[in-house]
PDB file of N, CA and C in Angstrom:
ATOM      1  N   MET A   1       0.643  -0.839   0.419  1.00  0.00           N
ATOM      2  CA  MET A   1       0.120  -0.100   0.102  1.00  0.00           C
ATOM      3  C   MET A   1       0.801   0.946  -0.423  1.00  0.00           C
ATOM      4  N   ILE A   2       0.706   2.288  -0.718  1.00  0.00           N
ATOM      5  CA  ILE A   2       1.003   3.303  -0.318  1.00  0.00           C
ATOM      6  C   ILE A   2       0.461   4.498   0.550  1.00  0.00           C
ATOM      7  N   ASP A   3       1.315   4.741   1.888  1.00  0.00           N
ATOM      8  CA  ASP A   3       1.077   5.523   2.659  1.00  0.00           C
ATOM      9  C   ASP A   3       0.757   6.897   2.368  1.00  0.00           C
ATOM     10  N   ALA A   4       0.785   7.902   3.404  1.00  0.00           N
ATOM     11  CA  ALA A   4       0.396   9.465   3.229  1.00  0.00           C
ATOM     12  C   ALA A   4       2.025   9.857   2.451  1.00  0.00           C
ATOM     13  N   ASP A   5       3.054   9.165   3.377  1.00  0.00           N
ATOM     14  CA  ASP A   5       4.707   9.736   3.359  1.00  0.00           C
ATOM     15  C   ASP A   5       4.735   9.362   1.713  1.00  0.00           C
ATOM     16  N   ASP A   6       4.623   8.262   1.095  1.00  0.00           N
ATOM     17  CA  ASP A   6       4.862   8.159  -0.300  1.00  0.00           C
ATOM     18  C   ASP A   6       4.335   8.827  -0.725  1.00  0.00           C
ATOM     19  N   ARG A   7       2.597   9.414  -0.761  1.00  0.00           N
ATOM     20  CA  ARG A   7       2.100  10.134  -1.413  1.00  0.00           C
ATOM     21  C   ARG A   7       2.499  11.717  -1.650  1.00  0.00           C
ATOM     22  N   ARG A   8       3.193  12.119  -0.844  1.00  0.00           N
ATOM     23  CA  ARG A   8       3.924  12.888  -1.053  1.00  0.00           C
ATOM     24  C   ARG A   8       5.190  13.058  -1.854  1.00  0.00           C
ATOM     25  N   LEU A   9       5.641  12.123  -1.384  1.00  0.00           N
ATOM     26  CA  LEU A   9       7.487  11.991  -2.346  1.00  0.00           C
ATOM     27  C   LEU A   9       6.639  11.986  -3.582  1.00  0.00           C
ATOM     28  N   ILE A  10       5.588  11.215  -3.715  1.00  0.00           N
ATOM     29  CA  ILE A  10       5.431  10.249  -5.285  1.00  0.00           C
ATOM     30  C   ILE A  10       4.882  12.602  -5.652  1.00  0.00           C
ATOM     31  N   ALA A  11       4.860  13.197  -5.142  1.00  0.00           N
ATOM     32  CA  ALA A  11       3.962  14.508  -5.783  1.00  0.00           C
ATOM     33  C   ALA A  11       4.670  15.845  -5.724  1.00  0.00           C
ATOM     34  N   ALA A  12       5.926  15.015  -4.476  1.00  0.00           N
ATOM     35  CA  ALA A  12       6.871  16.072  -5.160  1.00  0.00           C
ATOM     36  C   ALA A  12       8.321  15.642  -6.500  1.00  0.00           C
ATOM     37  N   ALA A  13       7.738  14.397  -6.768  1.00  0.00           N
ATOM     38  CA  ALA A  13       9.052  14.386  -7.858  1.00  0.00           C
ATOM     39  C   ALA A  13       8.044  14.446  -8.924  1.00  0.00           C
ATOM     40  N   ALA A  14       6.610  14.518  -9.070  1.00  0.00           N
ATOM     41  CA  ALA A  14       5.517  15.011 -10.152  1.00  0.00           C
ATOM     42  C   ALA A  14       6.130  16.149 -10.514  1.00  0.00           C
ATOM     43  N   SER A  15       6.297  17.364  -9.307  1.00  0.00           N
ATOM     44  CA  SER A  15       6.040  18.379  -9.672  1.00  0.00           C
ATOM     45  C   SER A  15       7.715  18.902  -9.812  1.00  0.00           C
ATOM     46  N   ALA A  16       8.746  18.331  -9.580  1.00  0.00           N
ATOM     47  CA  ALA A  16      10.081  18.050  -9.903  1.00  0.00           C
ATOM     48  C   ALA A  16       9.868  17.994 -11.615  1.00  0.00           C
ATOM     49  N   ALA A  17       8.745  17.189 -11.881  1.00  0.00           N
ATOM     50  CA  ALA A  17       9.270  16.846 -13.308  1.00  0.00           C
ATOM     51  C   ALA A  17       8.676  17.856 -14.231  1.00  0.00           C
ATOM     52  N   GLU A  18       7.835  18.259 -13.789  1.00  0.00           N
ATOM     53  CA  GLU A  18       6.922  19.784 -14.029  1.00  0.00           C
ATOM     54  C   GLU A  18       7.975  20.931 -14.688  1.00  0.00           C
ATOM     55  N   GLN A  19       8.676  20.940 -14.230  1.00  0.00           N
ATOM     56  CA  GLN A  19       9.752  21.970 -14.168  1.00  0.00           C
ATOM     57  C   GLN A  19      11.056  21.396 -14.588  1.00  0.00           C
ATOM     58  N   ALA A  20      10.638  19.797 -15.549  1.00  0.00           N
ATOM     59  CA  ALA A  20      11.888  19.719 -15.869  1.00  0.00           C
ATOM     60  C   ALA A  20      12.876  20.607 -17.105  1.00  0.00           C
ATOM     61  N   TYR A  21      13.923  20.660 -17.222  1.00  0.00           N
ATOM     62  CA  TYR A  21      14.337  21.200 -18.080  1.00  0.00           C
ATOM     63  C   TYR A  21      15.257  20.248 -19.211  1.00  0.00           C
ATOM     64  N   CYS A  22      13.995  20.064 -20.447  1.00  0.00           N
ATOM     65  CA  CYS A  22      14.347  18.988 -21.512  1.00  0.00           C
ATOM     66  C   CYS A  22      14.140  19.147 -23.130  1.00  0.00           C
ATOM     67  N   PRO A  23      14.824  20.172 -22.901  1.00  0.00           N
ATOM     68  CA  PRO A  23      14.841  20.328 -25.046  1.00  0.00           C
ATOM     69  C   PRO A  23      15.056  19.820 -25.869  1.00  0.00           C
ATOM     70  N   TYR A  24      16.388  18.990 -25.814  1.00  0.00           N
ATOM     71  CA  TYR A  24      15.950  17.796 -26.305  1.00  0.00           C
ATOM     72  C   TYR A  24      15.497  16.112 -26.512  1.00  0.00           C
ATOM     73  N   SER A  25      15.606  15.942 -24.946  1.00  0.00           N
ATOM     74  CA  SER A  25      14.843  14.489 -24.958  1.00  0.00           C
ATOM     75  C   SER A  25      13.091  14.702 -25.052  1.00  0.00           C
ATOM     76  N   HIS A  26      12.717  15.906 -24.829  1.00  0.00           N
ATOM     77  CA  HIS A  26      11.204  16.153 -24.516  1.00  0.00           C
ATOM     78  C   HIS A  26      10.402  15.025 -23.454  1.00  0.00           C
ATOM     79  N   TYR A  27      11.785  14.182 -22.690  1.00  0.00           N
ATOM     80  CA  TYR A  27      11.251  13.717 -21.750  1.00  0.00           C
ATOM     81  C   TYR A  27      11.751  13.627 -20.273  1.00  0.00           C
ATOM     82  N   PRO A  28      10.112  14.532 -19.745  1.00  0.00           N
ATOM     83  CA  PRO A  28      10.694  15.429 -18.150  1.00  0.00           C
ATOM     84  C   PRO A  28      10.701  13.971 -17.220  1.00  0.00           C
ATOM     85  N   VAL A  29      11.524  14.255 -16.469  1.00  0.00           N
ATOM     86  CA  VAL A  29      11.965  13.537 -15.147  1.00  0.00           C
ATOM     87  C   VAL A  29      12.019  13.949 -13.851  1.00  0.00           C
ATOM     88  N   GLY A  30      11.407  13.424 -12.909  1.00  0.00           N
ATOM     89  CA  GLY A  30      11.470  14.276 -11.788  1.00  0.00           C
ATOM     90  C   GLY A  30      11.684  13.170  -9.925  1.00  0.00           C
ATOM     91  N   ALA A  31      12.490  13.558  -9.243  1.00  0.00           N
ATOM     92  CA  ALA A  31      12.770  12.359  -8.232  1.00  0.00           C
ATOM     93  C   ALA A  31      12.873  13.326  -7.148  1.00  0.00           C
ATOM     94  N   ALA A  32      12.668  12.628  -6.107  1.00  0.00           N
ATOM     95  CA  ALA A  32      12.234  13.282  -4.522  1.00  0.00           C
ATOM     96  C   ALA A  32      12.479  12.420  -3.229  1.00  0.00           C
ATOM     97  N   LEU A  33      13.904  12.668  -2.730  1.00  0.00           N
ATOM     98  CA  LEU A  33      14.212  11.641  -1.760  1.00  0.00           C
ATOM     99  C   LEU A  33      13.805  12.490  -0.181  1.00  0.00           C
ATOM    100  N   GLU A  34      13.677  11.601   0.688  1.00  0.00           N
ATOM    101  CA  GLU A  34      13.545  11.877   2.431  1.00  0.00           C
ATOM    102  C   GLU A  34      14.869  11.736   2.860  1.00  0.00           C
ATOM    103  N   ALA A  35      15.083  12.923   3.458  1.00  0.00           N
ATOM    104  CA  ALA A  35      16.004  12.619   4.815  1.00  0.00           C
ATOM    105  C   ALA A  35      15.453  12.116   6.052  1.00  0.00           C
ATOM    106  N   ASP A  36      16.403  11.156   6.580  1.00  0.00           N
ATOM    107  CA  ASP A  36      15.979  11.035   7.976  1.00  0.00           C
ATOM    108  C   ASP A  36      15.728  12.234   8.779  1.00  0.00           C
ATOM    109  N   ASP A  37      15.844  13.520   8.497  1.00  0.00           N
ATOM    110  CA  ASP A  37      15.496  14.700   9.330  1.00  0.00           C
ATOM    111  C   ASP A  37      13.731  14.700   8.743  1.00  0.00           C
ATOM    112  N   GLY A  38      13.557  14.310   7.789  1.00  0.00           N
ATOM    113  CA  GLY A  38      11.904  14.568   6.780  1.00  0.00           C
ATOM    114  C   GLY A  38      12.350  14.795   6.520  1.00  0.00           C
ATOM    115  N   ALA A  39      13.353  16.211   5.553  1.00  0.00           N
ATOM    116  CA  ALA A  39      13.506  16.699   4.765  1.00  0.00           C
ATOM    117  C   ALA A  39      12.752  16.320   3.389  1.00  0.00           C
ATOM    118  N   VAL A  40      12.393  16.444   2.373  1.00  0.00           N
ATOM    119  CA  VAL A  40      12.510  16.234   0.828  1.00  0.00           C
ATOM    120  C   VAL A  40      12.968  16.996   0.135  1.00  0.00           C
ATOM    121  N   PHE A  41      14.327  16.276  -0.855  1.00  0.00           N
ATOM    122  CA  PHE A  41      14.771  16.815  -1.662  1.00  0.00           C
ATOM    123  C   PHE A  41      14.656  16.134  -3.201  1.00  0.00           C
ATOM    124  N   THR A  42      14.212  17.772  -4.264  1.00  0.00           N
ATOM    125  CA  THR A  42      14.050  17.199  -5.086  1.00  0.00           C
ATOM    126  C   THR A  42      14.975  17.517  -6.245  1.00  0.00           C
TER     127      THR A  42
END
């Protein structure tokens, strides 16, 4: 099951993909990482 924390990371990665710069491949990619202290990095 996907819990609330996973959904938060998925949403952060999707947001990063929307802002991706990909003029040649036209294939936006986003990633999100949660640190031990709960901080999310994209």
